[in-house]
Amino acid sequence: MTMPINCEPLKELIRTVPDFPKPGILFYDITTLLKDKNGFAQLIDAFAQYYIGKEVDLVLGIEARGFIFGPALAYRLNAGFVPVRKPKKLPAPVARVNYDLEYGTDALEIHLDAIKPGQRVIVVDDLLATGGTMQATVQLVRQLGGEIAGLGFAIELDFLKGRSKLQEYDVFSLLHYDE
């Protein structure tokens, strides 16, 4: 068995921005990781290593940063890529789910024909915080009859306990932060 790729050194490539987007929040900016060719390659390699052999039909990426990891990972897994979008961005008929945020509500949409019943899907995003966005995306996948093969994140903020909302799924995060 191959040893998992140690992604801890990638933390050095992630910029932290205090008080963004509002006071008291420490923002983990992955754009500095993405522009590093070796760091970005290692990130995608680590995701691919975890998911290879898990019979994945589709990789779903959540708007917007899931659009960065999703296609690269789908290519590596020989899977299709499907975007999960904010409302009114997709041209054909959609499934939609509304969900609560800390400060209001939001919605996500996916084309009705994006997932065939029984297809195995992994969903990727940059960050697992409270888990609300991923819960909503899982709901969309289930509405269309897809099977969740995994939920992948570049970063998990362990102290926000978002993973606890996703316990019935295989949740995989490359990097963990405790504060």
Protein backbone atom coordinates (compact mmCIF):
# COMPACT_ATOMS: atom_id res chain seq x y z
CA MET A 1 0.00 0.00 0.00
CA THR A 2 1.23 3.49 -0.86
CA MET A 3 1.95 5.86 2.00
CA PRO A 4 -0.40 8.86 2.07
CA ILE A 5 1.15 12.09 0.83
CA ASN A 6 2.10 14.37 3.72
CA CYS A 7 0.43 17.69 2.93
CA GLU A 8 1.48 19.51 6.12
CA PRO A 9 4.28 21.41 4.31
CA LEU A 10 1.58 22.95 2.07
CA LYS A 11 0.45 25.05 5.05
CA GLU A 12 3.52 27.21 4.44
CA LEU A 13 2.03 28.12 1.04
CA ILE A 14 -1.34 29.24 2.47
CA ARG A 15 -1.63 32.91 3.35
CA THR A 16 -3.60 33.85 6.47
CA VAL A 17 -5.53 37.11 6.34
CA PRO A 18 -6.84 38.42 9.68
CA ASP A 19 -10.25 40.10 9.91
CA PHE A 20 -11.44 38.95 6.48
CA PRO A 21 -14.23 38.93 5.39
CA LYS A 22 -15.22 40.48 8.73
CA PRO A 23 -13.54 41.32 12.04
CA GLY A 24 -12.56 38.31 14.14
CA ILE A 25 -12.28 35.91 11.18
CA LEU A 26 -8.91 34.46 10.16
CA PHE A 27 -9.15 33.72 6.42
CA TYR A 28 -7.07 30.92 4.90
CA ASP A 29 -6.21 32.15 1.39
CA ILE A 30 -5.37 29.24 -0.91
CA THR A 31 -4.51 31.42 -3.93
CA THR A 32 -0.89 31.48 -2.75
CA LEU A 33 -0.89 27.65 -2.76
CA LEU A 34 -2.57 27.43 -6.16
CA LYS A 35 0.05 29.63 -7.84
CA ASP A 36 2.85 27.34 -6.63
CA LYS A 37 3.16 24.66 -9.33
CA ASN A 38 4.65 22.04 -7.01
CA GLY A 39 2.20 22.79 -4.19
CA PHE A 40 -0.84 22.63 -6.47
CA ALA A 41 0.41 19.39 -8.03
CA GLN A 42 0.96 17.85 -4.59
CA LEU A 43 -2.55 18.87 -3.52
CA ILE A 44 -4.16 17.21 -6.55
CA ASP A 45 -1.87 14.17 -6.25
CA ALA A 46 -2.90 13.72 -2.59
CA PHE A 47 -6.61 13.92 -3.47
CA ALA A 48 -6.14 11.51 -6.39
CA GLN A 49 -4.15 9.03 -4.30
CA TYR A 50 -6.99 8.88 -1.78
CA TYR A 51 -9.79 8.43 -4.33
CA ILE A 52 -8.15 6.20 -6.96
CA GLY A 53 -9.79 2.77 -6.86
CA LYS A 54 -13.04 4.02 -5.30
CA GLU A 55 -15.05 3.71 -8.53
CA VAL A 56 -15.88 7.39 -8.96
CA ASP A 57 -18.15 8.36 -11.87
CA LEU A 58 -18.35 12.09 -11.22
CA VAL A 59 -16.52 14.77 -9.30
CA LEU A 60 -18.72 17.67 -8.22
CA GLY A 61 -17.13 21.02 -7.45
CA ILE A 62 -18.91 23.63 -5.36
CA GLU A 63 -18.78 27.23 -6.63
CA ALA A 64 -16.29 28.74 -6.75
CA ARG A 65 -13.09 27.20 -5.40
CA GLY A 66 -14.39 23.66 -5.92
CA PHE A 67 -14.16 24.53 -9.63
CA ILE A 68 -10.37 24.69 -9.23
CA PHE A 69 -9.81 21.26 -7.63
CA GLY A 70 -12.73 19.43 -9.18
CA PRO A 71 -11.74 19.33 -12.86
CA ALA A 72 -8.10 18.50 -12.10
CA LEU A 73 -9.16 15.66 -9.82
CA ALA A 74 -11.82 14.41 -12.25
CA TYR A 75 -9.14 14.21 -14.96
CA ARG A 76 -6.86 12.18 -12.67
CA LEU A 77 -9.71 9.81 -11.75
CA ASN A 78 -10.99 9.43 -15.33
CA ALA A 79 -14.33 10.80 -14.12
CA GLY A 80 -16.67 13.53 -15.32
CA PHE A 81 -16.88 16.94 -13.68
CA VAL A 82 -20.12 18.66 -12.64
CA PRO A 83 -20.34 22.21 -11.27
CA VAL A 84 -22.65 23.02 -8.36
CA ARG A 85 -23.60 26.66 -8.83
CA LYS A 86 -25.13 29.63 -7.09
CA PRO A 87 -28.69 30.37 -8.28
CA LYS A 88 -29.46 31.47 -11.83
CA LYS A 89 -26.05 30.52 -13.29
CA LEU A 90 -27.04 27.29 -15.08
CA PRO A 91 -28.92 27.45 -18.40
CA ALA A 92 -30.93 24.20 -18.36
CA PRO A 93 -33.53 22.94 -15.81
CA VAL A 94 -32.06 22.59 -12.31
CA ALA A 95 -32.53 20.98 -8.94
CA ARG A 96 -32.21 23.54 -6.17
CA VAL A 97 -31.70 23.42 -2.42
CA ASN A 98 -31.94 26.31 0.03
CA TYR A 99 -29.83 26.23 3.17
CA ASP A 100 -29.09 28.33 6.22
CA LEU A 101 -25.94 30.34 6.76
CA GLU A 102 -24.71 31.90 9.99
CA TYR A 103 -26.07 35.23 8.71
CA GLY A 104 -29.00 34.29 6.44
CA THR A 105 -29.85 31.80 3.72
CA ASP A 106 -28.36 30.78 0.40
CA ALA A 107 -29.10 28.29 -2.37
CA LEU A 108 -27.24 25.93 -4.68
CA GLU A 109 -28.27 24.45 -8.02
CA ILE A 110 -27.26 21.60 -10.29
CA HIS A 111 -28.56 20.61 -13.72
CA LEU A 112 -31.32 18.00 -13.45
CA ASP A 113 -29.46 15.75 -15.91
CA ALA A 114 -26.05 16.11 -14.23
CA ILE A 115 -26.22 12.86 -12.25
CA LYS A 116 -27.80 9.61 -13.32
CA PRO A 117 -29.35 7.44 -10.57
CA GLY A 118 -26.73 5.18 -9.02
CA GLN A 119 -23.69 7.15 -10.19
CA ARG A 120 -20.91 7.34 -7.63
CA VAL A 121 -20.01 10.93 -6.83
CA ILE A 122 -17.34 12.69 -4.82
CA VAL A 123 -17.82 16.32 -3.91
CA VAL A 124 -14.81 18.59 -3.44
CA ASP A 125 -14.43 22.07 -2.01
CA ASP A 126 -11.63 24.16 -0.61
CA LEU A 127 -12.85 24.41 2.98
CA LEU A 128 -14.90 22.51 5.54
CA ALA A 129 -16.07 24.98 8.16
CA THR A 130 -19.57 24.50 9.60
CA GLY A 131 -20.58 21.94 6.94
CA GLY A 132 -23.74 23.69 5.75
CA THR A 133 -22.71 24.13 2.11
CA MET A 134 -21.62 20.51 1.82
CA GLN A 135 -24.83 19.29 3.49
CA ALA A 136 -26.82 21.22 0.87
CA THR A 137 -24.72 19.73 -1.95
CA VAL A 138 -25.21 16.21 -0.59
CA GLN A 139 -28.95 16.88 -0.61
CA LEU A 140 -28.75 17.81 -4.31
CA VAL A 141 -26.84 14.61 -5.12
CA ARG A 142 -29.42 12.51 -3.29
CA GLN A 143 -32.33 14.31 -5.01
CA LEU A 144 -30.88 13.20 -8.36
CA GLY A 145 -30.27 9.62 -7.19
CA GLY A 146 -26.49 9.82 -6.92
CA GLU A 147 -24.45 7.83 -4.40
CA ILE A 148 -21.93 9.78 -2.29
CA ALA A 149 -18.55 8.06 -2.62
CA GLY A 150 -16.75 10.77 -0.64
CA LEU A 151 -16.49 14.40 0.42
CA GLY A 152 -13.09 16.01 -0.05
CA PHE A 153 -11.67 19.26 1.29
CA ALA A 154 -8.31 20.97 0.94
CA ILE A 155 -8.70 22.51 4.41
CA GLU A 156 -10.76 21.56 7.44
CA LEU A 157 -11.28 23.95 10.34
CA ASP A 158 -11.56 21.28 13.03
CA PHE A 159 -12.70 23.70 15.74
CA LEU A 160 -15.94 24.46 13.84
CA LYS A 161 -16.91 20.77 13.87
CA GLY A 162 -18.42 20.71 10.37
CA ARG A 163 -17.48 17.05 10.05
CA SER A 164 -20.08 16.19 12.71
CA LYS A 165 -22.85 17.11 10.22
CA LEU A 166 -21.43 14.69 7.64
CA GLN A 167 -20.82 11.59 9.78
CA GLU A 168 -22.47 9.09 7.46
CA TYR A 169 -19.98 9.92 4.67
CA ASP A 170 -16.30 9.37 3.97
CA VAL A 171 -14.92 12.85 4.72
CA PHE A 172 -11.31 13.43 3.65
CA SER A 173 -9.40 16.63 4.38
CA LEU A 174 -5.79 17.25 3.37
CA LEU A 175 -5.00 19.96 5.91
CA HIS A 176 -6.37 20.58 9.40
CA TYR A 177 -6.40 23.76 11.45
CA ASP A 178 -7.31 23.93 15.15
CA GLU A 179 -7.86 27.70 15.27
